[in-house]
Amino acid sequence: MIHLMFTLVLAEMALILTLLFRTPLRKLVMMGLDRLKQGRGRLVANTVAATMTLLFSSIIYHATIIHKRSAEASMVNPTEEVLMAQRQLEACLIGFSLFLALIIDRLYYLIKKKSCIY
């Protein structure tokens, strides 16, 4: 899952870079986002965002359980330490992905509002 999240973050960063600079690719990306925002695309995007938010909160909850368990034992279990590091990495990647999706959405509306020509 971590490889998938890294791929998603890199794809979102590339999409943001194409939206920031006025290139012919920007027009193509804007047309794609226009089509995504119409019809059922908005519903699918909201469903995916809600699922990722639920997964993010679940990972945070499990990380706090692992932290409490290691605090009660007053000694660090190597297995729990590895699990905690993996949970923190997953939480950071999902949170960053949600943040980048928000930036993409705001950039889309800003470009759409500023110019109708793209």
C-alpha atoms as a PDB file:
ATOM      1  CA  MET A   1       0.000   0.000   0.000  1.00  0.00           C
ATOM      2  CA  ILE A   2       2.903   2.317   0.674  1.00  0.00           C
ATOM      3  CA  HIS A   3       4.129   2.044  -2.936  1.00  0.00           C
ATOM      4  CA  LEU A   4       0.647   2.950  -4.139  1.00  0.00           C
ATOM      5  CA  MET A   5       0.536   5.985  -1.847  1.00  0.00           C
ATOM      6  CA  PHE A   6       3.970   7.164  -3.023  1.00  0.00           C
ATOM      7  CA  THR A   7       2.789   6.822  -6.630  1.00  0.00           C
ATOM      8  CA  LEU A   8      -0.382   8.777  -5.850  1.00  0.00           C
ATOM      9  CA  VAL A   9       1.554  11.586  -4.161  1.00  0.00           C
ATOM     10  CA  LEU A  10       4.013  11.835  -7.060  1.00  0.00           C
ATOM     11  CA  ALA A  11       1.160  11.882  -9.600  1.00  0.00           C
ATOM     12  CA  GLU A  12      -0.607  14.641  -7.654  1.00  0.00           C
ATOM     13  CA  MET A  13       2.599  16.663  -7.477  1.00  0.00           C
ATOM     14  CA  ALA A  14       3.085  16.303 -11.247  1.00  0.00           C
ATOM     15  CA  LEU A  15      -0.511  17.407 -11.799  1.00  0.00           C
ATOM     16  CA  ILE A  16       0.051  20.479  -9.622  1.00  0.00           C
ATOM     17  CA  LEU A  17       3.194  21.355 -11.579  1.00  0.00           C
ATOM     18  CA  THR A  18       1.317  21.127 -14.866  1.00  0.00           C
ATOM     19  CA  LEU A  19      -1.392  23.401 -13.483  1.00  0.00           C
ATOM     20  CA  LEU A  20       1.086  25.996 -12.230  1.00  0.00           C
ATOM     21  CA  PHE A  21       2.825  26.690 -15.530  1.00  0.00           C
ATOM     22  CA  ARG A  22       1.105  27.878 -18.696  1.00  0.00           C
ATOM     23  CA  THR A  23       1.893  25.095 -21.175  1.00  0.00           C
ATOM     24  CA  PRO A  24      -0.143  23.222 -23.780  1.00  0.00           C
ATOM     25  CA  LEU A  25      -0.343  20.334 -21.327  1.00  0.00           C
ATOM     26  CA  ARG A  26      -2.154  22.626 -18.877  1.00  0.00           C
ATOM     27  CA  LYS A  27      -5.039  23.037 -21.329  1.00  0.00           C
ATOM     28  CA  LEU A  28      -5.290  19.260 -21.669  1.00  0.00           C
ATOM     29  CA  VAL A  29      -5.276  18.782 -17.883  1.00  0.00           C
ATOM     30  CA  MET A  30      -7.950  21.462 -17.455  1.00  0.00           C
ATOM     31  CA  MET A  31     -10.142  19.758 -20.037  1.00  0.00           C
ATOM     32  CA  GLY A  32      -9.714  16.469 -18.183  1.00  0.00           C
ATOM     33  CA  LEU A  33     -10.590  18.082 -14.866  1.00  0.00           C
ATOM     34  CA  ASP A  34     -13.640  19.712 -16.482  1.00  0.00           C
ATOM     35  CA  ARG A  35     -14.865  16.307 -17.567  1.00  0.00           C
ATOM     36  CA  LEU A  36     -14.118  14.860 -14.142  1.00  0.00           C
ATOM     37  CA  LYS A  37     -16.132  17.569 -12.410  1.00  0.00           C
ATOM     38  CA  GLN A  38     -19.206  16.884 -14.555  1.00  0.00           C
ATOM     39  CA  GLY A  39     -21.701  14.080 -14.001  1.00  0.00           C
ATOM     40  CA  ARG A  40     -20.796  11.317 -11.586  1.00  0.00           C
ATOM     41  CA  GLY A  41     -17.120  12.200 -11.388  1.00  0.00           C
ATOM     42  CA  ARG A  42     -17.719  14.594  -8.505  1.00  0.00           C
ATOM     43  CA  LEU A  43     -19.571  11.898  -6.551  1.00  0.00           C
ATOM     44  CA  VAL A  44     -16.781   9.388  -7.115  1.00  0.00           C
ATOM     45  CA  ALA A  45     -14.128  11.907  -6.065  1.00  0.00           C
ATOM     46  CA  ASN A  46     -16.025  12.750  -2.872  1.00  0.00           C
ATOM     47  CA  THR A  47     -16.485   9.052  -2.079  1.00  0.00           C
ATOM     48  CA  VAL A  48     -12.769   8.360  -2.536  1.00  0.00           C
ATOM     49  CA  ALA A  49     -11.874  11.371  -0.367  1.00  0.00           C
ATOM     50  CA  ALA A  50     -14.271  10.223   2.375  1.00  0.00           C
ATOM     51  CA  THR A  51     -12.818   6.698   2.253  1.00  0.00           C
ATOM     52  CA  MET A  52      -9.275   8.040   2.506  1.00  0.00           C
ATOM     53  CA  THR A  53     -10.270  10.253   5.435  1.00  0.00           C
ATOM     54  CA  LEU A  54     -11.812   7.253   7.201  1.00  0.00           C
ATOM     55  CA  LEU A  55      -8.666   5.212   6.534  1.00  0.00           C
ATOM     56  CA  PHE A  56      -6.528   8.102   7.810  1.00  0.00           C
ATOM     57  CA  SER A  57      -8.489   8.280  11.090  1.00  0.00           C
ATOM     58  CA  SER A  58      -8.298   4.485  11.487  1.00  0.00           C
ATOM     59  CA  ILE A  59      -4.517   4.523  11.076  1.00  0.00           C
ATOM     60  CA  ILE A  60      -4.185   7.345  13.611  1.00  0.00           C
ATOM     61  CA  TYR A  61      -6.375   5.394  16.051  1.00  0.00           C
ATOM     62  CA  HIS A  62      -4.252   2.245  15.710  1.00  0.00           C
ATOM     63  CA  ALA A  63      -1.053   4.264  16.119  1.00  0.00           C
ATOM     64  CA  THR A  64      -2.340   5.717  19.405  1.00  0.00           C
ATOM     65  CA  ILE A  65      -3.245   2.212  20.617  1.00  0.00           C
ATOM     66  CA  ILE A  66       0.283   0.995  19.867  1.00  0.00           C
ATOM     67  CA  HIS A  67       1.742   4.051  21.612  1.00  0.00           C
ATOM     68  CA  LYS A  68      -0.400   3.516  24.738  1.00  0.00           C
ATOM     69  CA  ARG A  69       0.505  -0.177  24.862  1.00  0.00           C
ATOM     70  CA  SER A  70       4.232   0.586  24.733  1.00  0.00           C
ATOM     71  CA  ALA A  71       3.835   3.354  27.352  1.00  0.00           C
ATOM     72  CA  GLU A  72       2.085   0.962  29.734  1.00  0.00           C
ATOM     73  CA  ALA A  73       4.769  -1.686  29.365  1.00  0.00           C
ATOM     74  CA  SER A  74       7.481   0.968  29.913  1.00  0.00           C
ATOM     75  CA  MET A  75       9.699  -0.851  27.447  1.00  0.00           C
ATOM     76  CA  VAL A  76       9.880  -0.703  23.691  1.00  0.00           C
ATOM     77  CA  ASN A  77       8.940  -3.859  21.834  1.00  0.00           C
ATOM     78  CA  PRO A  78      10.795  -4.018  18.487  1.00  0.00           C
ATOM     79  CA  THR A  79       7.722  -5.367  16.685  1.00  0.00           C
ATOM     80  CA  GLU A  80       5.545  -2.548  17.949  1.00  0.00           C
ATOM     81  CA  GLU A  81       8.227  -0.034  17.041  1.00  0.00           C
ATOM     82  CA  VAL A  82       8.226  -1.253  13.426  1.00  0.00           C
ATOM     83  CA  LEU A  83       4.412  -1.244  13.326  1.00  0.00           C
ATOM     84  CA  MET A  84       4.346   2.279  14.728  1.00  0.00           C
ATOM     85  CA  ALA A  85       6.810   3.517  12.099  1.00  0.00           C
ATOM     86  CA  GLN A  86       4.753   1.938   9.321  1.00  0.00           C
ATOM     87  CA  ARG A  87       1.520   3.463  10.661  1.00  0.00           C
ATOM     88  CA  GLN A  88       3.149   6.889  10.871  1.00  0.00           C
ATOM     89  CA  LEU A  89       4.400   6.630   7.286  1.00  0.00           C
ATOM     90  CA  GLU A  90       0.949   5.577   6.041  1.00  0.00           C
ATOM     91  CA  ALA A  91      -0.730   8.406   7.960  1.00  0.00           C
ATOM     92  CA  CYS A  92       1.717  10.980   6.588  1.00  0.00           C
ATOM     93  CA  LEU A  93       1.268   9.793   3.016  1.00  0.00           C
ATOM     94  CA  ILE A  94      -2.529   9.739   3.198  1.00  0.00           C
ATOM     95  CA  GLY A  95      -2.651  13.148   4.883  1.00  0.00           C
ATOM     96  CA  PHE A  96      -0.292  14.636   2.317  1.00  0.00           C
ATOM     97  CA  SER A  97      -2.312  13.081  -0.511  1.00  0.00           C
ATOM     98  CA  LEU A  98      -5.528  14.618   0.815  1.00  0.00           C
ATOM     99  CA  PHE A  99      -3.790  17.980   1.142  1.00  0.00           C
ATOM    100  CA  LEU A 100      -2.491  17.814  -2.438  1.00  0.00           C
ATOM    101  CA  ALA A 101      -5.976  16.898  -3.692  1.00  0.00           C
ATOM    102  CA  LEU A 102      -7.298  20.018  -1.977  1.00  0.00           C
ATOM    103  CA  ILE A 103      -4.580  22.121  -3.629  1.00  0.00           C
ATOM    104  CA  ILE A 104      -5.437  20.643  -7.049  1.00  0.00           C
ATOM    105  CA  ASP A 105      -9.093  21.502  -6.528  1.00  0.00           C
ATOM    106  CA  ARG A 106      -8.342  25.084  -5.504  1.00  0.00           C
ATOM    107  CA  LEU A 107      -5.876  25.582  -8.378  1.00  0.00           C
ATOM    108  CA  TYR A 108      -8.498  24.324 -10.814  1.00  0.00           C
ATOM    109  CA  TYR A 109     -11.075  26.819  -9.568  1.00  0.00           C
ATOM    110  CA  LEU A 110      -8.529  29.655  -9.501  1.00  0.00           C
ATOM    111  CA  ILE A 111      -7.452  29.018 -13.095  1.00  0.00           C
ATOM    112  CA  LYS A 112     -11.057  28.597 -14.199  1.00  0.00           C
ATOM    113  CA  LYS A 113     -12.056  31.862 -12.518  1.00  0.00           C
ATOM    114  CA  LYS A 114      -9.084  33.917 -13.731  1.00  0.00           C
ATOM    115  CA  SER A 115      -9.287  33.005 -17.380  1.00  0.00           C
ATOM    116  CA  CYS A 116     -11.750  31.170 -19.530  1.00  0.00           C
ATOM    117  CA  ILE A 117      -9.030  30.461 -22.104  1.00  0.00           C
ATOM    118  CA  TYR A 118      -6.907  28.319 -19.706  1.00  0.00           C
END
